[in-house]
Amino acid sequence: MRKLFGTDGIRAVAGVAPLDPTTIYAIGIALGHSLKRTFSDPKVLLGADTRESGSWIAALVSAGLEHSGASVTSAGVITTPAIAHLTRKHGFAAGIVISASHNPWQDNGIKIFGSDGYKLADATELRMEEEIFRHLRGLASPDPATLPAPGVDPELRREYEESLLAAVPDLNLKGLKLVIDCANGAASAIAPELFSRLGGDVKLTHAKPDGRNINDHCGALYPQVVAAETKSSGASMGITFDGDADRVLFADANGNVVNGDAVLLLAARDLQKHKMLTGNIVVATTMSNMGLEAALKRSGIRMLRAPVGDKYVLELMQQQNAALGGEQSGHILFPHLATTGDGLLTALVVLDLVKRSGKTLDELCADMKVFPQVIVNIRVTEKRPLEEIVPVAKAIRAAEEELKDSGRVVIRYSGTEALARVMIEAESEDAMRRHADAIASAIRAELGV
């Protein structure tokens, strides 16, 4: 069982274990030693989102890497998928992103990609953890204020932008009016230039990061914000990213949020039309709506469910040789285009699809009947096995028994935050809310902050 790494790297409040200076320095050392087993002269690519803690965390990680014999190149403020792409293209031994994705500004994190552009396997993370804990028993970290910042290569960001445009070579946004919410995050460094080159009438919002406003009532955590702006401004479509831009959500012209499930549906049908949907399979997660499964089935497409986390979606996709997968939250995987979820790439693919179809976004998704679904997040003090907590287990069993033929019950801990997530889906909205409230109340009473 991993203790530091969650479903998307290491994440915590910046400055607090496991993102205290000593642990961060130890992470760099452990990664460097891991890379030295394969590379004689490992070179590592580093990037970060816009949080104010990013610079000192990057300096400490770099110091740890250099202590163990690796060298570091920085791409500066850049998206997570950009680091994955550039790591693979240029043959870096690893890529590191300093980001806490959709978390508030006080948090930060360390995401690591292998030389192939994919996130590290669980077994590799576990081996690194063992070394990190050994170092913590006697390691003293340098003062981050005394460390030089790694040198930034500005060409890397421009190169990534060119790769995005190359993925949709015929895309022209003429005739479209767009609202784009950059979440005051990493997309702010790329989206303005990228979309200006594609034409169209583009309004950028939340693209002025100050180190503390990332994800602050904007971006993919608050898709209703871009949806309202899209409707009020008479735009054709809204696009909203999370802090490190590895996920994206949309809004149609009527102000309706279009989530990752709907994107999977329209992308699956487009790939199927062009005979690129291998095996007529789409990989989603346990959180994806039953309405997506039903709509895909009407098109002769089978949906498989993976555990939550884009790395687990990718694992199942690779096992099944699937051409498309993703999460309701907006991580969409196109393995023929990228090794990881990429919000900017997905936005361009969806825009290209809309332009080619001659239809609006809501028309493309119109036949997906969404089952009533609620997700309740409960902040918890610890992550004890829920099946061992009698009142919680009893509430879950009651929901499963009533909804076995007309809904779904998914209860899990977040892999990136101290949260328990209660997801109930049912034909009856009353039953959905009743059971969600009962389970959430039981968890709150036993584990709540």
Protein backbone atom coordinates (compact mmCIF):
# COMPACT_ATOMS: atom_id res chain seq x y z
CA MET A 1 0.00 0.00 0.00
CA ARG A 2 1.50 3.33 -1.08
CA LYS A 3 1.63 6.03 1.61
CA LEU A 4 2.85 9.06 -0.33
CA PHE A 5 1.62 8.59 -3.89
CA GLY A 6 -2.10 8.83 -4.59
CA THR A 7 -3.92 8.28 -7.88
CA ASP A 8 -2.17 11.30 -9.39
CA GLY A 9 1.23 11.72 -7.75
CA ILE A 10 1.95 13.22 -4.33
CA ARG A 11 -0.35 16.00 -3.18
CA ALA A 12 -0.70 17.96 0.07
CA VAL A 13 -0.64 21.43 1.59
CA ALA A 14 2.60 23.08 0.43
CA GLY A 15 5.11 23.12 3.25
CA VAL A 16 3.36 20.38 5.22
CA ALA A 17 4.39 16.70 5.06
CA PRO A 18 4.64 15.07 2.62
CA LEU A 19 5.34 18.38 0.85
CA ASP A 20 7.73 19.67 3.49
CA PRO A 21 11.25 20.61 2.33
CA THR A 22 12.94 17.43 3.59
CA THR A 23 10.48 15.08 1.92
CA ILE A 24 10.57 17.03 -1.34
CA TYR A 25 14.37 16.89 -1.38
CA ALA A 26 14.20 13.13 -0.64
CA ILE A 27 11.76 12.65 -3.51
CA GLY A 28 14.28 14.20 -5.90
CA ILE A 29 17.07 11.98 -4.58
CA ALA A 30 14.96 8.83 -4.79
CA LEU A 31 13.82 9.60 -8.33
CA GLY A 32 17.39 10.32 -9.40
CA HIS A 33 18.61 7.01 -7.99
CA SER A 34 15.71 5.20 -9.69
CA LEU A 35 16.63 6.78 -13.05
CA LYS A 36 20.34 5.96 -12.64
CA ARG A 37 19.44 2.26 -12.77
CA THR A 38 18.44 2.75 -16.42
CA PHE A 39 20.18 5.93 -17.62
CA SER A 40 23.89 6.66 -17.21
CA ASP A 41 23.32 10.41 -17.46
CA PRO A 42 19.64 11.03 -16.64
CA LYS A 43 18.12 14.32 -17.79
CA VAL A 44 14.82 15.40 -16.26
CA LEU A 45 12.25 17.89 -17.58
CA LEU A 46 10.42 20.05 -15.06
CA GLY A 47 7.28 22.19 -15.30
CA ALA A 48 4.80 23.80 -12.94
CA ASP A 49 1.39 25.41 -12.72
CA THR A 50 0.88 28.94 -11.35
CA ARG A 51 0.87 28.37 -7.55
CA GLU A 52 3.19 30.60 -5.55
CA SER A 53 4.77 27.55 -3.87
CA GLY A 54 5.82 26.07 -7.21
CA SER A 55 9.20 27.80 -7.40
CA TRP A 56 10.63 26.63 -4.06
CA ILE A 57 9.26 23.10 -4.52
CA ALA A 58 10.87 22.96 -7.99
CA ALA A 59 14.17 24.16 -6.55
CA LEU A 60 14.18 21.44 -3.88
CA VAL A 61 13.23 18.64 -6.26
CA SER A 62 15.94 19.81 -8.65
CA ALA A 63 18.50 19.89 -5.85
CA GLY A 64 17.62 16.31 -4.89
CA LEU A 65 17.88 15.15 -8.48
CA GLU A 66 21.24 16.85 -8.98
CA HIS A 67 22.50 15.38 -5.68
CA SER A 68 21.84 11.90 -7.10
CA GLY A 69 23.47 12.60 -10.46
CA ALA A 70 20.63 13.83 -12.67
CA SER A 71 20.39 17.15 -14.51
CA VAL A 72 17.26 19.30 -14.81
CA THR A 73 15.76 21.44 -17.57
CA SER A 74 12.69 23.58 -16.86
CA ALA A 75 9.85 24.46 -19.21
CA GLY A 76 8.56 27.02 -16.72
CA VAL A 77 4.81 27.43 -16.26
CA ILE A 78 3.27 24.82 -18.50
CA THR A 79 0.51 22.20 -18.51
CA THR A 80 0.89 18.68 -17.18
CA PRO A 81 0.27 17.00 -20.58
CA ALA A 82 2.85 19.29 -22.17
CA ILE A 83 5.52 17.81 -19.88
CA ALA A 84 4.38 14.27 -20.77
CA HIS A 85 4.59 15.08 -24.50
CA LEU A 86 7.96 16.85 -24.35
CA THR A 87 9.51 14.22 -22.08
CA ARG A 88 8.74 11.50 -24.58
CA LYS A 89 9.64 13.51 -27.68
CA HIS A 90 13.05 14.64 -26.44
CA GLY A 91 14.05 11.45 -24.65
CA PHE A 92 14.20 12.87 -21.13
CA ALA A 93 14.61 10.17 -18.51
CA ALA A 94 11.58 11.57 -16.65
CA GLY A 95 9.24 14.52 -16.53
CA ILE A 96 8.05 16.23 -13.34
CA VAL A 97 5.12 18.59 -12.91
CA ILE A 98 4.77 20.69 -9.76
CA SER A 99 0.98 20.97 -9.55
CA ALA A 100 -2.02 20.09 -7.43
CA SER A 101 -4.33 20.12 -10.43
CA HIS A 102 -7.84 21.13 -9.30
CA ASN A 103 -6.96 21.63 -5.61
CA PRO A 104 -6.92 25.10 -3.96
CA TRP A 105 -3.81 27.29 -4.15
CA GLN A 106 -2.53 26.30 -0.71
CA ASP A 107 -1.99 22.74 -1.96
CA ASN A 108 0.65 21.57 -4.36
CA GLY A 109 1.91 18.28 -5.69
CA ILE A 110 4.52 16.34 -7.61
CA LYS A 111 3.50 14.33 -10.68
CA ILE A 112 6.09 12.16 -12.40
CA PHE A 113 6.17 10.77 -15.93
CA GLY A 114 8.53 8.12 -17.23
CA SER A 115 10.63 8.54 -20.35
CA ASP A 116 7.75 7.07 -22.37
CA GLY A 117 5.43 9.94 -21.38
CA TYR A 118 3.23 7.76 -19.17
CA LYS A 119 2.66 8.13 -15.44
CA LEU A 120 4.74 5.85 -13.26
CA ALA A 121 3.46 2.38 -12.44
CA ASP A 122 2.26 1.80 -8.87
CA ALA A 123 5.15 -0.63 -8.27
CA THR A 124 7.71 2.01 -9.26
CA GLU A 125 6.11 4.55 -6.93
CA LEU A 126 6.17 2.01 -4.10
CA ARG A 127 9.91 1.37 -4.58
CA MET A 128 10.56 5.11 -4.54
CA GLU A 129 8.56 5.48 -1.33
CA GLU A 130 10.73 2.89 0.40
CA GLU A 131 13.85 4.92 -0.40
CA ILE A 132 12.19 8.22 0.53
CA PHE A 133 11.27 6.93 3.99
CA ARG A 134 14.83 5.66 4.49
CA HIS A 135 16.19 9.13 3.72
CA LEU A 136 13.75 10.84 6.09
CA ARG A 137 15.36 9.15 9.09
CA GLY A 138 18.52 11.27 8.83
CA LEU A 139 18.34 13.62 5.86
CA ALA A 140 18.71 17.40 6.15
CA SER A 141 17.36 19.38 3.21
CA PRO A 142 18.98 22.57 1.92
CA ASP A 143 17.24 25.89 2.52
CA PRO A 144 15.12 26.46 -0.62
CA ALA A 145 15.83 30.20 -0.39
CA THR A 146 19.52 29.47 -1.12
CA LEU A 147 18.86 27.28 -4.16
CA PRO A 148 19.02 28.57 -7.74
CA ALA A 149 15.96 28.16 -9.91
CA PRO A 150 16.47 25.68 -12.77
CA GLY A 151 17.05 27.34 -16.13
CA VAL A 152 13.93 27.73 -18.30
CA ASP A 153 13.90 26.84 -22.00
CA PRO A 154 11.09 28.97 -23.56
CA GLU A 155 11.23 27.01 -26.81
CA LEU A 156 9.66 24.00 -25.13
CA ARG A 157 6.33 25.74 -24.55
CA ARG A 158 6.22 26.95 -28.16
CA GLU A 159 7.05 23.47 -29.39
CA TYR A 160 4.16 22.01 -27.42
CA GLU A 161 1.81 24.59 -28.91
CA GLU A 162 2.90 23.56 -32.41
CA SER A 163 2.16 19.92 -31.56
CA LEU A 164 -1.39 20.84 -30.56
CA LEU A 165 -2.01 22.64 -33.82
CA ALA A 166 -0.53 19.73 -35.77
CA ALA A 167 -3.09 17.37 -34.18
CA VAL A 168 -5.95 19.28 -35.87
CA PRO A 169 -4.27 20.67 -39.01
CA ASP A 170 -7.46 21.82 -40.73
CA LEU A 171 -9.12 23.51 -37.76
CA ASN A 172 -10.28 27.08 -38.28
CA LEU A 173 -12.59 28.68 -35.73
CA LYS A 174 -14.02 31.27 -38.10
CA GLY A 175 -17.73 31.66 -37.38
CA LEU A 176 -17.47 30.46 -33.78
CA LYS A 177 -17.73 32.67 -30.72
CA LEU A 178 -16.03 31.06 -27.72
CA VAL A 179 -15.63 31.73 -24.02
CA ILE A 180 -12.51 30.10 -22.58
CA ASP A 181 -11.88 29.86 -18.80
CA CYS A 182 -8.21 29.20 -17.99
CA ALA A 183 -8.79 28.71 -14.22
CA ASN A 184 -5.91 31.17 -13.57
CA GLY A 185 -3.76 28.09 -14.05
CA ALA A 186 -1.28 26.61 -16.50
CA ALA A 187 -3.59 27.06 -19.50
CA SER A 188 -3.14 30.83 -19.03
CA ALA A 189 0.40 30.45 -20.39
CA ILE A 190 -0.68 28.75 -23.63
CA ALA A 191 -4.37 29.32 -24.46
CA PRO A 192 -4.15 33.02 -25.41
CA GLU A 193 -1.54 32.46 -28.15
CA LEU A 194 -2.97 29.09 -29.21
CA PHE A 195 -6.53 30.26 -29.80
CA SER A 196 -5.49 33.56 -31.36
CA ARG A 197 -3.83 31.55 -34.12
CA LEU A 198 -7.04 29.63 -34.87
CA GLY A 199 -9.29 32.60 -35.61
CA GLY A 200 -12.81 32.96 -34.33
CA ASP A 201 -14.14 35.34 -31.70
CA VAL A 202 -12.53 34.25 -28.44
CA LYS A 203 -13.14 35.70 -24.98
CA LEU A 204 -10.58 34.58 -22.39
CA THR A 205 -11.54 34.60 -18.73
CA HIS A 206 -9.59 33.80 -15.54
CA ALA A 207 -6.29 34.03 -17.40
CA LYS A 208 -4.45 36.34 -14.97
CA PRO A 209 -2.83 34.11 -12.34
CA ASP A 210 -1.39 35.72 -9.23
CA GLY A 211 -0.16 32.59 -7.42
CA ARG A 212 -3.25 32.33 -5.24
CA ASN A 213 -6.26 32.55 -7.56
CA ILE A 214 -5.83 29.21 -9.34
CA ASN A 215 -9.17 27.31 -9.40
CA ASP A 216 -10.72 30.07 -7.27
CA HIS A 217 -14.40 29.86 -8.21
CA CYS A 218 -13.43 29.33 -11.82
CA GLY A 219 -12.25 26.60 -14.16
CA ALA A 220 -13.37 22.99 -14.42
CA LEU A 221 -14.38 22.81 -10.75
CA TYR A 222 -16.97 25.51 -11.43
CA PRO A 223 -18.19 24.77 -14.96
CA GLN A 224 -21.41 26.68 -14.29
CA VAL A 225 -19.32 29.88 -14.42
CA VAL A 226 -18.27 29.46 -18.04
CA ALA A 227 -21.74 28.08 -18.86
CA ALA A 228 -23.41 31.26 -17.60
CA GLU A 229 -20.90 33.46 -19.43
CA THR A 230 -21.41 31.47 -22.64
CA LYS A 231 -25.16 31.99 -22.55
CA SER A 232 -25.09 35.65 -21.52
CA SER A 233 -22.56 36.59 -24.21
CA GLY A 234 -24.33 34.65 -26.97
CA ALA A 235 -21.31 32.45 -27.56
CA SER A 236 -21.36 29.21 -29.54
CA MET A 237 -19.50 27.25 -26.88
CA GLY A 238 -17.68 27.55 -23.57
CA ILE A 239 -14.47 25.74 -22.63
CA THR A 240 -13.06 25.47 -19.10
CA PHE A 241 -9.82 23.90 -17.85
CA ASP A 242 -8.56 22.84 -14.45
CA GLY A 243 -5.39 24.20 -12.85
CA ASP A 244 -2.87 22.10 -14.79
CA ALA A 245 -5.09 21.75 -17.89
CA ASP A 246 -5.10 17.97 -18.09
CA ARG A 247 -8.90 18.04 -18.06
CA VAL A 248 -11.56 20.15 -19.73
CA LEU A 249 -15.32 20.64 -19.58
CA PHE A 250 -17.59 22.47 -22.01
CA ALA A 251 -20.78 24.50 -22.15
CA ASP A 252 -23.26 24.65 -25.01
CA ALA A 253 -24.87 27.83 -26.37
CA ASN A 254 -27.87 27.34 -24.06
CA GLY A 255 -25.70 27.51 -20.96
CA ASN A 256 -25.74 23.78 -20.22
CA VAL A 257 -22.59 22.12 -18.86
CA VAL A 258 -21.23 19.38 -21.13
CA ASN A 259 -19.07 17.01 -19.10
CA GLY A 260 -16.61 14.26 -19.94
CA ASP A 261 -19.34 11.65 -20.44
CA ALA A 262 -20.84 13.68 -23.29
CA VAL A 263 -17.39 14.22 -24.80
CA LEU A 264 -16.79 10.47 -24.76
CA LEU A 265 -20.09 9.93 -26.59
CA LEU A 266 -19.49 12.36 -29.42
CA ALA A 267 -15.81 11.38 -29.76
CA ALA A 268 -16.70 7.67 -29.82
CA ARG A 269 -19.24 8.16 -32.59
CA ASP A 270 -16.79 10.23 -34.61
CA LEU A 271 -14.02 7.65 -34.25
CA GLN A 272 -16.49 4.88 -35.13
CA LYS A 273 -17.56 6.77 -38.25
CA HIS A 274 -13.94 6.93 -39.37
CA LYS A 275 -13.32 3.26 -38.46
CA MET A 276 -10.84 4.22 -35.74
CA LEU A 277 -12.77 2.95 -32.68
CA THR A 278 -10.96 -0.36 -32.22
CA GLY A 279 -13.24 -3.12 -31.04
CA ASN A 280 -16.09 -0.59 -30.72
CA ILE A 281 -15.01 -0.14 -27.08
CA VAL A 282 -14.88 2.93 -24.84
CA VAL A 283 -13.33 2.86 -21.38
CA ALA A 284 -14.99 5.06 -18.75
CA THR A 285 -15.01 4.83 -14.94
CA THR A 286 -17.34 3.82 -12.14
CA MET A 287 -18.46 7.47 -11.96
CA SER A 288 -19.71 7.70 -15.56
CA ASN A 289 -23.46 8.00 -15.94
CA MET A 290 -25.65 5.08 -16.99
CA GLY A 291 -27.02 7.39 -19.68
CA LEU A 292 -23.65 7.31 -21.44
CA GLU A 293 -23.61 3.54 -21.41
CA ALA A 294 -27.12 3.42 -22.90
CA ALA A 295 -26.34 5.97 -25.62
CA LEU A 296 -23.15 4.18 -26.63
CA LYS A 297 -25.01 0.87 -26.75
CA ARG A 298 -27.49 2.34 -29.25
CA SER A 299 -24.50 3.00 -31.53
CA GLY A 300 -23.20 -0.55 -31.10
CA ILE A 301 -20.42 0.58 -28.75
CA ARG A 302 -19.55 -1.27 -25.54
CA MET A 303 -18.52 0.68 -22.45
CA LEU A 304 -16.08 -0.77 -19.93
CA ARG A 305 -15.59 0.73 -16.46
CA ALA A 306 -12.22 1.24 -14.77
CA PRO A 307 -11.51 2.53 -11.25
CA VAL A 308 -11.44 6.32 -10.92
CA GLY A 309 -8.13 7.84 -12.01
CA ASP A 310 -6.93 8.42 -15.55
CA LYS A 311 -3.93 6.10 -15.05
CA TYR A 312 -6.34 3.24 -14.33
CA VAL A 313 -8.47 4.15 -17.34
CA LEU A 314 -5.31 4.01 -19.45
CA GLU A 315 -4.31 0.61 -18.02
CA LEU A 316 -7.65 -0.90 -19.04
CA MET A 317 -7.46 0.81 -22.44
CA GLN A 318 -4.06 -0.74 -23.06
CA GLN A 319 -5.33 -4.17 -22.02
CA GLN A 320 -8.28 -3.86 -24.42
CA ASN A 321 -6.47 -1.96 -27.19
CA ALA A 322 -9.13 0.75 -26.87
CA ALA A 323 -8.87 3.97 -28.88
CA LEU A 324 -10.82 6.15 -26.46
CA GLY A 325 -11.31 6.46 -22.74
CA GLY A 326 -11.82 9.02 -20.04
CA GLU A 327 -13.58 10.33 -17.00
CA GLN A 328 -16.73 12.30 -16.37
CA SER A 329 -14.54 14.97 -14.77
CA GLY A 330 -12.98 15.80 -18.14
CA HIS A 331 -9.85 13.64 -18.43
CA ILE A 332 -10.15 12.31 -21.99
CA LEU A 333 -7.57 9.92 -23.45
CA PHE A 334 -6.83 9.73 -27.18
CA PRO A 335 -3.88 7.30 -27.29
CA HIS A 336 -3.26 7.93 -30.99
CA LEU A 337 -2.60 11.58 -30.10
CA ALA A 338 -1.18 11.68 -26.56
CA THR A 339 -0.02 9.52 -23.66
CA THR A 340 -2.15 11.28 -21.05
CA GLY A 341 -5.30 13.37 -20.69
CA ASP A 342 -4.78 16.79 -22.27
CA GLY A 343 -7.43 19.48 -21.81
CA LEU A 344 -6.15 21.76 -24.57
CA LEU A 345 -5.86 18.87 -27.02
CA THR A 346 -9.35 17.62 -26.15
CA ALA A 347 -10.75 21.13 -26.64
CA LEU A 348 -9.25 21.30 -30.13
CA VAL A 349 -10.49 17.81 -31.01
CA VAL A 350 -14.04 18.70 -29.91
CA LEU A 351 -13.94 22.01 -31.78
CA ASP A 352 -12.71 20.22 -34.91
CA LEU A 353 -15.49 17.65 -34.57
CA VAL A 354 -18.14 20.36 -34.17
CA LYS A 355 -16.87 22.25 -37.20
CA ARG A 356 -16.74 19.13 -39.38
CA SER A 357 -20.20 17.97 -38.32
CA GLY A 358 -21.95 21.25 -39.05
CA LYS A 359 -23.91 20.72 -35.82
CA THR A 360 -23.93 22.48 -32.50
CA LEU A 361 -22.53 20.88 -29.36
CA ASP A 362 -25.99 20.34 -27.85
CA GLU A 363 -27.23 18.71 -31.07
CA LEU A 364 -24.35 16.23 -31.00
CA CYS A 365 -25.20 15.18 -27.44
CA ALA A 366 -28.99 15.49 -27.64
CA ASP A 367 -29.87 11.79 -27.43
CA MET A 368 -27.98 11.10 -24.19
CA LYS A 369 -30.54 10.80 -21.41
CA VAL A 370 -28.69 11.48 -18.18
CA PHE A 371 -29.86 9.52 -15.16
CA PRO A 372 -30.23 11.68 -12.03
CA GLN A 373 -26.87 11.57 -10.27
CA VAL A 374 -25.52 13.23 -7.15
CA ILE A 375 -21.99 13.30 -5.77
CA VAL A 376 -21.50 14.29 -2.13
CA ASN A 377 -17.98 15.00 -0.86
CA ILE A 378 -17.30 14.58 2.86
CA ARG A 379 -14.02 15.81 4.33
CA VAL A 380 -12.65 13.07 6.58
CA THR A 381 -10.04 12.80 9.32
CA GLU A 382 -8.85 9.35 8.18
CA LYS A 383 -9.54 6.77 5.46
CA ARG A 384 -10.67 3.68 7.35
CA PRO A 385 -12.20 0.85 5.28
CA LEU A 386 -15.86 1.84 4.94
CA GLU A 387 -17.08 -1.75 5.03
CA GLU A 388 -15.69 -2.02 8.56
CA ILE A 389 -17.77 0.92 9.87
CA VAL A 390 -21.13 -0.63 10.77
CA PRO A 391 -23.47 2.40 10.31
CA VAL A 392 -21.82 3.28 6.98
CA ALA A 393 -21.91 -0.30 5.68
CA LYS A 394 -25.58 -0.58 6.70
CA ALA A 395 -26.52 2.61 4.80
CA ILE A 396 -24.63 1.44 1.71
CA ARG A 397 -26.34 -1.98 1.75
CA ALA A 398 -29.76 -0.35 2.02
CA ALA A 399 -29.06 1.80 -1.04
CA GLU A 400 -27.69 -1.12 -3.05
CA GLU A 401 -30.67 -3.31 -2.28
CA GLU A 402 -33.24 -0.69 -3.30
CA LEU A 403 -31.39 0.50 -6.42
CA LYS A 404 -30.01 -2.80 -7.71
CA ASP A 405 -32.17 -2.73 -10.86
CA SER A 406 -32.59 1.02 -11.29
CA GLY A 407 -29.39 2.75 -10.23
CA ARG A 408 -25.81 2.56 -8.99
CA VAL A 409 -24.02 3.18 -5.71
CA VAL A 410 -20.32 4.11 -5.75
CA ILE A 411 -18.64 5.05 -2.47
CA ARG A 412 -14.89 5.67 -2.43
CA TYR A 413 -12.15 7.79 -0.98
CA SER A 414 -10.52 10.44 -3.14
CA GLY A 415 -7.02 9.50 -4.26
CA THR A 416 -5.86 13.12 -4.12
CA GLU A 417 -7.70 14.71 -1.17
CA ALA A 418 -8.92 13.83 2.34
CA LEU A 419 -12.43 13.22 1.06
CA ALA A 420 -14.97 10.44 0.92
CA ARG A 421 -17.09 10.61 -2.22
CA VAL A 422 -20.67 9.33 -2.28
CA MET A 423 -22.10 8.88 -5.77
CA ILE A 424 -25.70 7.73 -6.19
CA GLU A 425 -27.40 7.34 -9.54
CA ALA A 426 -31.06 6.36 -9.88
CA GLU A 427 -34.13 6.69 -12.05
CA SER A 428 -35.88 8.19 -9.02
CA GLU A 429 -34.41 11.51 -7.90
CA ASP A 430 -36.09 11.14 -4.51
CA ALA A 431 -34.44 7.76 -3.89
CA MET A 432 -31.11 9.10 -5.13
CA ARG A 433 -31.07 12.01 -2.69
CA ARG A 434 -32.45 10.00 0.23
CA HIS A 435 -29.73 7.37 0.01
CA ALA A 436 -26.96 9.90 -0.71
CA ASP A 437 -27.94 11.87 2.40
CA ALA A 438 -28.13 8.74 4.55
CA ILE A 439 -24.69 7.45 3.52
CA ALA A 440 -23.07 10.89 3.74
CA SER A 441 -24.53 11.44 7.20
CA ALA A 442 -23.20 8.10 8.41
CA ILE A 443 -19.70 8.84 7.08
CA ARG A 444 -19.79 12.35 8.54
CA ALA A 445 -20.78 11.05 11.96
CA GLU A 446 -17.97 8.48 12.04
CA LEU A 447 -15.12 10.17 10.14
CA GLY A 448 -16.09 13.78 9.47
CA VAL A 449 -13.83 16.71 10.23
